[in-house]
Amino acid sequence: MQKSGYLYQNFRLFHLRDKRDRKFDYHYHDFNKIIIFLSGNVTYYIEGKAYVLKPWDILLVNNHAIHKPVISPDVYYERIVIWIDEDFMKNTTTDITACFQKASERSFNLIRLGSGLIDRLKNTVRDLELSLSENENEFGHTLLTDSLFMELMVYINRIYLGKKYESEPDALKYDKRIEEILKYIHLHLSEEISIDLLADSFYMNKYHLMHKFKEETGYTVHSYILQKRLLYVSRLHSTGTPITKAALAGGFKDYSTYYRAVKRENCSRHADS
């Protein structure tokens, strides 16, 4: 699993339309991401759940959520992708990261809008794209663009937090047992977690658990736990926690064990690049 993309601005918007046979690996970002699906044949996998998308569906992809799209090359895939800096979102009078936080709590990342709500989304996105396309020297360019972005985020938060989205069973595919195992891992990163422990706790044969986990998430139990621990330690350290204390909180026996894990991970990324 690899980190993908770098964000040096408050947010970036991409409007993409392509038709190519491209396979994505599981990856994650240090920033939050919104995907507004416009057309194509795409299933998006986020933390063990598969979302079968329809036009104008919105996906909330939390920073450090491991995900990938599976795209049919037979038709054009059009989408709007917005990368958002978390600090920028939190430095407002209202924390507009709330929808991402709630998506993590609900383990549900899809917003499917009714026809009435889609029209407003279209208008807001159109105005934001138009503002971004203007010359930066235009009077009030940054103020207007940031205001339109905030309007979009407030709208998305109101829909998601208020559960004003539509629920369609066919839109989501996942294994309930794997979802519970993922939740358990997230809540117990600081503790010892073994495949035997998980198998006993969830009344599964450990070999079936390993197979099913790989099938549903795309990675092994061990690699998933290690990646989540590394990300957790990194986040703790970035907020001021001393690295030795953060390593212990992330489930590593000591700093040297954490350091060796980081070194192996970096070597693995380099070998895959």
C-alpha atoms as a PDB file:
ATOM      1  CA  MET A   1       0.000   0.000   0.000  1.00  0.00           C
ATOM      2  CA  GLN A   2       1.382   3.353  -0.979  1.00  0.00           C
ATOM      3  CA  LYS A   3       0.737   6.981  -0.232  1.00  0.00           C
ATOM      4  CA  SER A   4      -0.444   8.783  -3.345  1.00  0.00           C
ATOM      5  CA  GLY A   5      -0.494  12.471  -4.254  1.00  0.00           C
ATOM      6  CA  TYR A   6       0.835  15.569  -2.558  1.00  0.00           C
ATOM      7  CA  LEU A   7      -1.209  18.620  -1.653  1.00  0.00           C
ATOM      8  CA  TYR A   8       0.476  21.998  -1.124  1.00  0.00           C
ATOM      9  CA  GLN A   9      -2.668  24.140  -1.388  1.00  0.00           C
ATOM     10  CA  ASN A  10      -5.831  24.537   0.649  1.00  0.00           C
ATOM     11  CA  PHE A  11      -7.651  22.423  -1.920  1.00  0.00           C
ATOM     12  CA  ARG A  12      -7.374  21.302  -5.531  1.00  0.00           C
ATOM     13  CA  LEU A  13     -10.120  20.413  -7.978  1.00  0.00           C
ATOM     14  CA  PHE A  14      -9.682  18.113 -10.965  1.00  0.00           C
ATOM     15  CA  HIS A  15     -12.349  17.509 -13.613  1.00  0.00           C
ATOM     16  CA  LEU A  16     -11.282  14.343 -15.402  1.00  0.00           C
ATOM     17  CA  ARG A  17     -12.705  12.345 -18.295  1.00  0.00           C
ATOM     18  CA  ASP A  18     -10.817   9.416 -19.763  1.00  0.00           C
ATOM     19  CA  LYS A  19     -11.215   5.985 -21.251  1.00  0.00           C
ATOM     20  CA  ARG A  20      -8.275   3.682 -20.682  1.00  0.00           C
ATOM     21  CA  ASP A  21      -7.482   0.271 -19.330  1.00  0.00           C
ATOM     22  CA  ARG A  22      -5.776   1.231 -16.083  1.00  0.00           C
ATOM     23  CA  LYS A  23      -5.651  -0.763 -12.871  1.00  0.00           C
ATOM     24  CA  PHE A  24      -5.097   1.025  -9.556  1.00  0.00           C
ATOM     25  CA  ASP A  25      -3.419  -0.446  -6.505  1.00  0.00           C
ATOM     26  CA  TYR A  26      -4.727   0.174  -3.005  1.00  0.00           C
ATOM     27  CA  HIS A  27      -3.353   3.495  -1.764  1.00  0.00           C
ATOM     28  CA  TYR A  28      -4.028   6.297   0.706  1.00  0.00           C
ATOM     29  CA  HIS A  29      -3.568  10.071   0.993  1.00  0.00           C
ATOM     30  CA  ASP A  30      -2.538  12.452   3.759  1.00  0.00           C
ATOM     31  CA  PHE A  31      -5.474  14.664   2.796  1.00  0.00           C
ATOM     32  CA  ASN A  32      -9.236  14.232   2.609  1.00  0.00           C
ATOM     33  CA  LYS A  33     -10.733  13.610  -0.816  1.00  0.00           C
ATOM     34  CA  ILE A  34     -14.155  14.047  -2.386  1.00  0.00           C
ATOM     35  CA  ILE A  35     -15.122  12.239  -5.574  1.00  0.00           C
ATOM     36  CA  ILE A  36     -18.194  13.362  -7.497  1.00  0.00           C
ATOM     37  CA  PHE A  37     -18.956  10.619  -9.997  1.00  0.00           C
ATOM     38  CA  LEU A  38     -20.408  11.834 -13.308  1.00  0.00           C
ATOM     39  CA  SER A  39     -20.349   8.888 -15.713  1.00  0.00           C
ATOM     40  CA  GLY A  40     -18.775   5.513 -16.410  1.00  0.00           C
ATOM     41  CA  ASN A  41     -18.799   2.030 -14.945  1.00  0.00           C
ATOM     42  CA  VAL A  42     -16.900   2.188 -11.654  1.00  0.00           C
ATOM     43  CA  THR A  43     -16.840   0.340  -8.361  1.00  0.00           C
ATOM     44  CA  TYR A  44     -14.932   2.097  -5.596  1.00  0.00           C
ATOM     45  CA  TYR A  45     -13.377   0.103  -2.750  1.00  0.00           C
ATOM     46  CA  ILE A  46     -12.849   1.917   0.567  1.00  0.00           C
ATOM     47  CA  GLU A  47     -11.731   0.049   3.693  1.00  0.00           C
ATOM     48  CA  GLY A  48     -13.280  -3.286   2.742  1.00  0.00           C
ATOM     49  CA  LYS A  49     -16.516  -1.934   1.239  1.00  0.00           C
ATOM     50  CA  ALA A  50     -17.412  -1.774  -2.453  1.00  0.00           C
ATOM     51  CA  TYR A  51     -19.547   1.136  -3.704  1.00  0.00           C
ATOM     52  CA  VAL A  52     -21.226   0.711  -7.101  1.00  0.00           C
ATOM     53  CA  LEU A  53     -21.536   4.273  -8.357  1.00  0.00           C
ATOM     54  CA  LYS A  54     -24.295   6.170 -10.147  1.00  0.00           C
ATOM     55  CA  PRO A  55     -24.051   9.646 -11.753  1.00  0.00           C
ATOM     56  CA  TRP A  56     -23.724  12.447  -9.190  1.00  0.00           C
ATOM     57  CA  ASP A  57     -22.877  10.102  -6.343  1.00  0.00           C
ATOM     58  CA  ILE A  58     -20.458  11.677  -3.852  1.00  0.00           C
ATOM     59  CA  LEU A  59     -17.744   9.674  -2.087  1.00  0.00           C
ATOM     60  CA  LEU A  60     -16.057  10.901   1.089  1.00  0.00           C
ATOM     61  CA  VAL A  61     -12.550   9.427   1.255  1.00  0.00           C
ATOM     62  CA  ASN A  62     -10.929  10.123   4.616  1.00  0.00           C
ATOM     63  CA  ASN A  63      -7.240  10.827   4.850  1.00  0.00           C
ATOM     64  CA  HIS A  64      -5.394   7.543   5.446  1.00  0.00           C
ATOM     65  CA  ALA A  65      -8.411   5.488   4.286  1.00  0.00           C
ATOM     66  CA  ILE A  66      -7.081   2.746   2.023  1.00  0.00           C
ATOM     67  CA  HIS A  67      -8.962   2.684  -1.256  1.00  0.00           C
ATOM     68  CA  LYS A  68      -8.944   2.054  -4.987  1.00  0.00           C
ATOM     69  CA  PRO A  69     -11.332   2.286  -7.955  1.00  0.00           C
ATOM     70  CA  VAL A  70     -12.061  -0.583 -10.331  1.00  0.00           C
ATOM     71  CA  ILE A  71     -12.869   1.008 -13.675  1.00  0.00           C
ATOM     72  CA  SER A  72     -14.366  -0.500 -16.803  1.00  0.00           C
ATOM     73  CA  PRO A  73     -12.310   0.654 -19.835  1.00  0.00           C
ATOM     74  CA  ASP A  74     -15.273   0.210 -22.180  1.00  0.00           C
ATOM     75  CA  VAL A  75     -16.896   3.569 -21.422  1.00  0.00           C
ATOM     76  CA  TYR A  76     -15.652   7.042 -20.519  1.00  0.00           C
ATOM     77  CA  TYR A  77     -15.072   7.637 -16.826  1.00  0.00           C
ATOM     78  CA  GLU A  78     -15.853  11.229 -15.856  1.00  0.00           C
ATOM     79  CA  ARG A  79     -15.515  12.567 -12.328  1.00  0.00           C
ATOM     80  CA  ILE A  80     -14.680  15.607 -10.259  1.00  0.00           C
ATOM     81  CA  VAL A  81     -12.013  15.001  -7.633  1.00  0.00           C
ATOM     82  CA  ILE A  82     -11.307  17.465  -4.836  1.00  0.00           C
ATOM     83  CA  TRP A  83      -8.276  17.171  -2.582  1.00  0.00           C
ATOM     84  CA  ILE A  84      -8.694  19.052   0.693  1.00  0.00           C
ATOM     85  CA  ASP A  85      -6.142  20.049   3.311  1.00  0.00           C
ATOM     86  CA  GLU A  86      -7.469  19.053   6.728  1.00  0.00           C
ATOM     87  CA  ASP A  87      -5.869  21.980   8.582  1.00  0.00           C
ATOM     88  CA  PHE A  88      -7.490  24.435   6.174  1.00  0.00           C
ATOM     89  CA  MET A  89     -10.905  22.865   6.825  1.00  0.00           C
ATOM     90  CA  LYS A  90     -10.449  23.011  10.577  1.00  0.00           C
ATOM     91  CA  ASN A  91      -9.309  26.649  10.599  1.00  0.00           C
ATOM     92  CA  THR A  92     -12.875  27.844  10.126  1.00  0.00           C
ATOM     93  CA  THR A  93     -15.556  28.876  12.597  1.00  0.00           C
ATOM     94  CA  THR A  94     -17.327  25.586  11.795  1.00  0.00           C
ATOM     95  CA  ASP A  95     -15.343  22.358  11.412  1.00  0.00           C
ATOM     96  CA  ILE A  96     -16.327  21.212   7.939  1.00  0.00           C
ATOM     97  CA  THR A  97     -14.314  18.011   8.346  1.00  0.00           C
ATOM     98  CA  ALA A  98     -17.302  16.705  10.312  1.00  0.00           C
ATOM     99  CA  CYS A  99     -18.638  14.736   7.334  1.00  0.00           C
ATOM    100  CA  PHE A 100     -15.325  12.864   7.007  1.00  0.00           C
ATOM    101  CA  GLN A 101     -15.218  12.116  10.726  1.00  0.00           C
ATOM    102  CA  LYS A 102     -18.793  10.849  10.656  1.00  0.00           C
ATOM    103  CA  ALA A 103     -18.092   8.757   7.547  1.00  0.00           C
ATOM    104  CA  SER A 104     -15.328   7.037   9.490  1.00  0.00           C
ATOM    105  CA  GLU A 105     -17.645   6.421  12.457  1.00  0.00           C
ATOM    106  CA  ARG A 106     -20.442   5.087  10.251  1.00  0.00           C
ATOM    107  CA  SER A 107     -18.074   3.097   8.027  1.00  0.00           C
ATOM    108  CA  PHE A 108     -20.096   4.478   5.150  1.00  0.00           C
ATOM    109  CA  ASN A 109     -18.653   6.831   2.532  1.00  0.00           C
ATOM    110  CA  LEU A 110     -21.392   7.249  -0.063  1.00  0.00           C
ATOM    111  CA  ILE A 111     -23.800  10.167  -0.543  1.00  0.00           C
ATOM    112  CA  ARG A 112     -26.483   9.377  -3.120  1.00  0.00           C
ATOM    113  CA  LEU A 113     -28.689  12.358  -3.834  1.00  0.00           C
ATOM    114  CA  GLY A 114     -32.306  12.592  -4.856  1.00  0.00           C
ATOM    115  CA  SER A 115     -33.091  14.530  -8.054  1.00  0.00           C
ATOM    116  CA  GLY A 116     -33.943  17.739  -6.194  1.00  0.00           C
ATOM    117  CA  LEU A 117     -30.603  17.843  -4.369  1.00  0.00           C
ATOM    118  CA  ILE A 118     -28.591  17.035  -7.500  1.00  0.00           C
ATOM    119  CA  ASP A 119     -29.581  20.300  -9.211  1.00  0.00           C
ATOM    120  CA  ARG A 120     -28.153  22.399  -6.397  1.00  0.00           C
ATOM    121  CA  LEU A 121     -24.954  20.333  -6.376  1.00  0.00           C
ATOM    122  CA  LYS A 122     -24.558  20.857 -10.122  1.00  0.00           C
ATOM    123  CA  ASN A 123     -24.951  24.622  -9.782  1.00  0.00           C
ATOM    124  CA  THR A 124     -22.488  24.893  -6.873  1.00  0.00           C
ATOM    125  CA  VAL A 125     -19.863  22.768  -8.609  1.00  0.00           C
ATOM    126  CA  ARG A 126     -20.310  24.718 -11.860  1.00  0.00           C
ATOM    127  CA  ASP A 127     -19.783  28.057 -10.087  1.00  0.00           C
ATOM    128  CA  LEU A 128     -16.698  26.718  -8.274  1.00  0.00           C
ATOM    129  CA  GLU A 129     -15.150  25.405 -11.489  1.00  0.00           C
ATOM    130  CA  LEU A 130     -15.863  28.703 -13.241  1.00  0.00           C
ATOM    131  CA  SER A 131     -14.213  30.687 -10.459  1.00  0.00           C
ATOM    132  CA  LEU A 132     -11.151  28.419 -10.486  1.00  0.00           C
ATOM    133  CA  SER A 133     -10.786  28.924 -14.248  1.00  0.00           C
ATOM    134  CA  GLU A 134     -10.632  32.723 -13.941  1.00  0.00           C
ATOM    135  CA  ASN A 135      -7.442  34.742 -13.885  1.00  0.00           C
ATOM    136  CA  GLU A 136      -6.021  34.845 -10.357  1.00  0.00           C
ATOM    137  CA  ASN A 137      -5.558  38.611 -10.705  1.00  0.00           C
ATOM    138  CA  GLU A 138      -9.324  39.137 -10.957  1.00  0.00           C
ATOM    139  CA  PHE A 139     -10.620  41.180  -8.037  1.00  0.00           C
ATOM    140  CA  GLY A 140     -11.493  38.934  -5.092  1.00  0.00           C
ATOM    141  CA  HIS A 141     -10.532  35.740  -6.933  1.00  0.00           C
ATOM    142  CA  THR A 142      -9.255  33.839  -3.898  1.00  0.00           C
ATOM    143  CA  LEU A 143     -12.053  35.084  -1.637  1.00  0.00           C
ATOM    144  CA  LEU A 144     -14.754  34.087  -4.123  1.00  0.00           C
ATOM    145  CA  THR A 145     -13.203  30.683  -4.838  1.00  0.00           C
ATOM    146  CA  ASP A 146     -12.763  29.841  -1.153  1.00  0.00           C
ATOM    147  CA  SER A 147     -16.334  31.010  -0.454  1.00  0.00           C
ATOM    148  CA  LEU A 148     -17.752  28.761  -3.179  1.00  0.00           C
ATOM    149  CA  PHE A 149     -15.715  25.844  -1.886  1.00  0.00           C
ATOM    150  CA  MET A 150     -17.031  26.453   1.634  1.00  0.00           C
ATOM    151  CA  GLU A 151     -20.566  26.608   0.268  1.00  0.00           C
ATOM    152  CA  LEU A 152     -20.052  23.185  -1.329  1.00  0.00           C
ATOM    153  CA  MET A 153     -18.647  21.735   1.888  1.00  0.00           C
ATOM    154  CA  VAL A 154     -21.465  23.115   4.021  1.00  0.00           C
ATOM    155  CA  TYR A 155     -23.969  21.609   1.573  1.00  0.00           C
ATOM    156  CA  ILE A 156     -22.275  18.182   1.650  1.00  0.00           C
ATOM    157  CA  ASN A 157     -22.048  18.236   5.455  1.00  0.00           C
ATOM    158  CA  ARG A 158     -25.732  19.118   5.830  1.00  0.00           C
ATOM    159  CA  ILE A 159     -26.749  16.228   3.595  1.00  0.00           C
ATOM    160  CA  TYR A 160     -24.444  13.646   5.143  1.00  0.00           C
ATOM    161  CA  LEU A 161     -24.814  14.595   8.803  1.00  0.00           C
ATOM    162  CA  GLY A 162     -28.571  14.908   8.405  1.00  0.00           C
ATOM    163  CA  LYS A 163     -28.771  11.567   6.536  1.00  0.00           C
ATOM    164  CA  LYS A 164     -30.592  13.251   3.667  1.00  0.00           C
ATOM    165  CA  TYR A 165     -28.997  10.871   1.176  1.00  0.00           C
ATOM    166  CA  GLU A 166     -30.758   7.906  -0.381  1.00  0.00           C
ATOM    167  CA  SER A 167     -30.106   4.326   0.707  1.00  0.00           C
ATOM    168  CA  GLU A 168     -30.072   1.644  -1.969  1.00  0.00           C
ATOM    169  CA  PRO A 169     -28.973  -1.884  -0.987  1.00  0.00           C
ATOM    170  CA  ASP A 170     -27.443  -2.540  -4.410  1.00  0.00           C
ATOM    171  CA  ALA A 171     -25.063   0.408  -4.008  1.00  0.00           C
ATOM    172  CA  LEU A 172     -22.995  -1.263  -1.294  1.00  0.00           C
ATOM    173  CA  LYS A 173     -21.329  -4.677  -1.156  1.00  0.00           C
ATOM    174  CA  TYR A 174     -19.335  -5.942   1.821  1.00  0.00           C
ATOM    175  CA  ASP A 175     -18.874  -8.777   4.281  1.00  0.00           C
ATOM    176  CA  LYS A 176     -20.348  -7.941   7.694  1.00  0.00           C
ATOM    177  CA  ARG A 177     -17.765 -10.030   9.556  1.00  0.00           C
ATOM    178  CA  ILE A 178     -14.854  -8.303   7.859  1.00  0.00           C
ATOM    179  CA  GLU A 179     -16.400  -4.924   8.697  1.00  0.00           C
ATOM    180  CA  GLU A 180     -16.511  -5.910  12.376  1.00  0.00           C
ATOM    181  CA  ILE A 181     -12.902  -7.111  12.244  1.00  0.00           C
ATOM    182  CA  LEU A 182     -11.781  -3.811  10.702  1.00  0.00           C
ATOM    183  CA  LYS A 183     -13.582  -1.891  13.453  1.00  0.00           C
ATOM    184  CA  TYR A 184     -11.916  -4.066  16.085  1.00  0.00           C
ATOM    185  CA  ILE A 185      -8.468  -3.439  14.596  1.00  0.00           C
ATOM    186  CA  HIS A 186      -9.036   0.330  14.549  1.00  0.00           C
ATOM    187  CA  LEU A 187     -10.094   0.330  18.203  1.00  0.00           C
ATOM    188  CA  HIS A 188      -7.245  -1.888  19.458  1.00  0.00           C
ATOM    189  CA  LEU A 189      -4.175  -0.686  17.568  1.00  0.00           C
ATOM    190  CA  SER A 190      -2.260  -0.172  20.825  1.00  0.00           C
ATOM    191  CA  GLU A 191      -2.826  -3.796  21.842  1.00  0.00           C
ATOM    192  CA  GLU A 192      -1.499  -7.127  20.635  1.00  0.00           C
ATOM    193  CA  ILE A 193      -3.555  -8.274  17.630  1.00  0.00           C
ATOM    194  CA  SER A 194      -2.952 -11.693  16.089  1.00  0.00           C
ATOM    195  CA  ILE A 195      -4.806 -13.716  13.504  1.00  0.00           C
ATOM    196  CA  ASP A 196      -5.522 -16.365  16.157  1.00  0.00           C
ATOM    197  CA  LEU A 197      -7.027 -13.701  18.420  1.00  0.00           C
ATOM    198  CA  LEU A 198      -9.239 -12.362  15.630  1.00  0.00           C
ATOM    199  CA  ALA A 199     -10.327 -15.858  14.597  1.00  0.00           C
ATOM    200  CA  ASP A 200     -11.293 -16.722  18.176  1.00  0.00           C
ATOM    201  CA  SER A 201     -13.022 -13.381  18.789  1.00  0.00           C
ATOM    202  CA  PHE A 202     -15.128 -13.603  15.632  1.00  0.00           C
ATOM    203  CA  TYR A 203     -15.654 -17.390  15.619  1.00  0.00           C
ATOM    204  CA  MET A 204     -13.944 -17.946  12.277  1.00  0.00           C
ATOM    205  CA  ASN A 205     -11.461 -20.491  11.039  1.00  0.00           C
ATOM    206  CA  LYS A 206      -8.215 -18.522  10.840  1.00  0.00           C
ATOM    207  CA  TYR A 207      -7.389 -19.697   7.311  1.00  0.00           C
ATOM    208  CA  HIS A 208     -10.856 -18.757   6.109  1.00  0.00           C
ATOM    209  CA  LEU A 209     -10.475 -15.403   7.882  1.00  0.00           C
ATOM    210  CA  MET A 210      -7.142 -14.753   6.152  1.00  0.00           C
ATOM    211  CA  HIS A 211      -8.578 -15.665   2.754  1.00  0.00           C
ATOM    212  CA  LYS A 212     -11.749 -13.639   3.229  1.00  0.00           C
ATOM    213  CA  PHE A 213      -9.884 -10.606   4.571  1.00  0.00           C
ATOM    214  CA  LYS A 214      -7.585 -10.593   1.526  1.00  0.00           C
ATOM    215  CA  GLU A 215     -10.534 -11.090  -0.817  1.00  0.00           C
ATOM    216  CA  GLU A 216     -12.581  -8.252   0.691  1.00  0.00           C
ATOM    217  CA  THR A 217      -9.853  -5.694   1.384  1.00  0.00           C
ATOM    218  CA  GLY A 218      -7.033  -6.497  -1.041  1.00  0.00           C
ATOM    219  CA  TYR A 219      -4.341  -6.955   1.600  1.00  0.00           C
ATOM    220  CA  THR A 220      -3.306  -9.385   4.312  1.00  0.00           C
ATOM    221  CA  VAL A 221      -4.327  -9.010   7.940  1.00  0.00           C
ATOM    222  CA  HIS A 222      -0.707  -8.405   8.965  1.00  0.00           C
ATOM    223  CA  SER A 223       0.007  -5.761   6.319  1.00  0.00           C
ATOM    224  CA  TYR A 224      -3.240  -3.945   7.078  1.00  0.00           C
ATOM    225  CA  ILE A 225      -2.555  -3.791  10.818  1.00  0.00           C
ATOM    226  CA  LEU A 226       1.029  -2.650  10.256  1.00  0.00           C
ATOM    227  CA  GLN A 227      -0.017   0.088   7.832  1.00  0.00           C
ATOM    228  CA  LYS A 228      -2.705   1.403  10.175  1.00  0.00           C
ATOM    229  CA  ARG A 229      -0.261   1.421  13.088  1.00  0.00           C
ATOM    230  CA  LEU A 230       2.326   3.361  11.098  1.00  0.00           C
ATOM    231  CA  LEU A 231      -0.282   5.902  10.016  1.00  0.00           C
ATOM    232  CA  TYR A 232      -1.585   6.252  13.578  1.00  0.00           C
ATOM    233  CA  VAL A 233       1.900   6.870  14.963  1.00  0.00           C
ATOM    234  CA  SER A 234       2.584   9.421  12.234  1.00  0.00           C
ATOM    235  CA  ARG A 235      -0.625  11.289  13.040  1.00  0.00           C
ATOM    236  CA  LEU A 236       0.073  11.307  16.791  1.00  0.00           C
ATOM    237  CA  HIS A 237       3.606  12.567  16.211  1.00  0.00           C
ATOM    238  CA  SER A 238       2.407  15.309  13.843  1.00  0.00           C
ATOM    239  CA  THR A 239       0.157  16.659  16.624  1.00  0.00           C
ATOM    240  CA  GLY A 240       3.044  16.946  19.105  1.00  0.00           C
ATOM    241  CA  THR A 241       3.243  13.531  20.761  1.00  0.00           C
ATOM    242  CA  PRO A 242       6.908  12.466  21.245  1.00  0.00           C
ATOM    243  CA  ILE A 243       7.785   9.739  18.751  1.00  0.00           C
ATOM    244  CA  THR A 244       8.685   7.159  21.417  1.00  0.00           C
ATOM    245  CA  LYS A 245       5.333   7.671  23.149  1.00  0.00           C
ATOM    246  CA  ALA A 246       3.484   7.641  19.827  1.00  0.00           C
ATOM    247  CA  ALA A 247       5.165   4.363  18.838  1.00  0.00           C
ATOM    248  CA  LEU A 248       3.994   2.683  22.051  1.00  0.00           C
ATOM    249  CA  ALA A 249       0.458   4.051  21.576  1.00  0.00           C
ATOM    250  CA  GLY A 250       0.505   2.616  18.058  1.00  0.00           C
ATOM    251  CA  GLY A 251       1.136  -0.912  19.276  1.00  0.00           C
ATOM    252  CA  PHE A 252       4.900  -1.144  18.797  1.00  0.00           C
ATOM    253  CA  LYS A 253       6.905  -2.677  21.645  1.00  0.00           C
ATOM    254  CA  ASP A 254       9.469   0.119  21.551  1.00  0.00           C
ATOM    255  CA  TYR A 255      10.915   2.799  19.285  1.00  0.00           C
ATOM    256  CA  SER A 256      13.443   0.478  17.640  1.00  0.00           C
ATOM    257  CA  THR A 257      10.656  -1.906  16.578  1.00  0.00           C
ATOM    258  CA  TYR A 258       8.757   1.033  15.093  1.00  0.00           C
ATOM    259  CA  TYR A 259      11.882   2.342  13.351  1.00  0.00           C
ATOM    260  CA  ARG A 260      12.565  -1.043  11.731  1.00  0.00           C
ATOM    261  CA  ALA A 261       8.956  -1.205  10.517  1.00  0.00           C
ATOM    262  CA  VAL A 262       9.238   2.262   8.962  1.00  0.00           C
ATOM    263  CA  LYS A 263      12.513   1.316   7.294  1.00  0.00           C
ATOM    264  CA  ARG A 264      11.039  -1.885   5.833  1.00  0.00           C
ATOM    265  CA  GLU A 265       7.992   0.016   4.592  1.00  0.00           C
ATOM    266  CA  ASN A 266      10.165   2.635   2.884  1.00  0.00           C
ATOM    267  CA  CYS A 267      12.293  -0.072   1.255  1.00  0.00           C
ATOM    268  CA  SER A 268       9.147  -1.809   0.034  1.00  0.00           C
ATOM    269  CA  ARG A 269       7.819   1.401  -1.529  1.00  0.00           C
ATOM    270  CA  HIS A 270      11.132   2.041  -3.237  1.00  0.00           C
ATOM    271  CA  ALA A 271      11.195  -1.485  -4.654  1.00  0.00           C
ATOM    272  CA  ASP A 272       7.682  -1.041  -6.081  1.00  0.00           C
ATOM    273  CA  SER A 273       8.330   2.337  -7.646  1.00  0.00           C
END
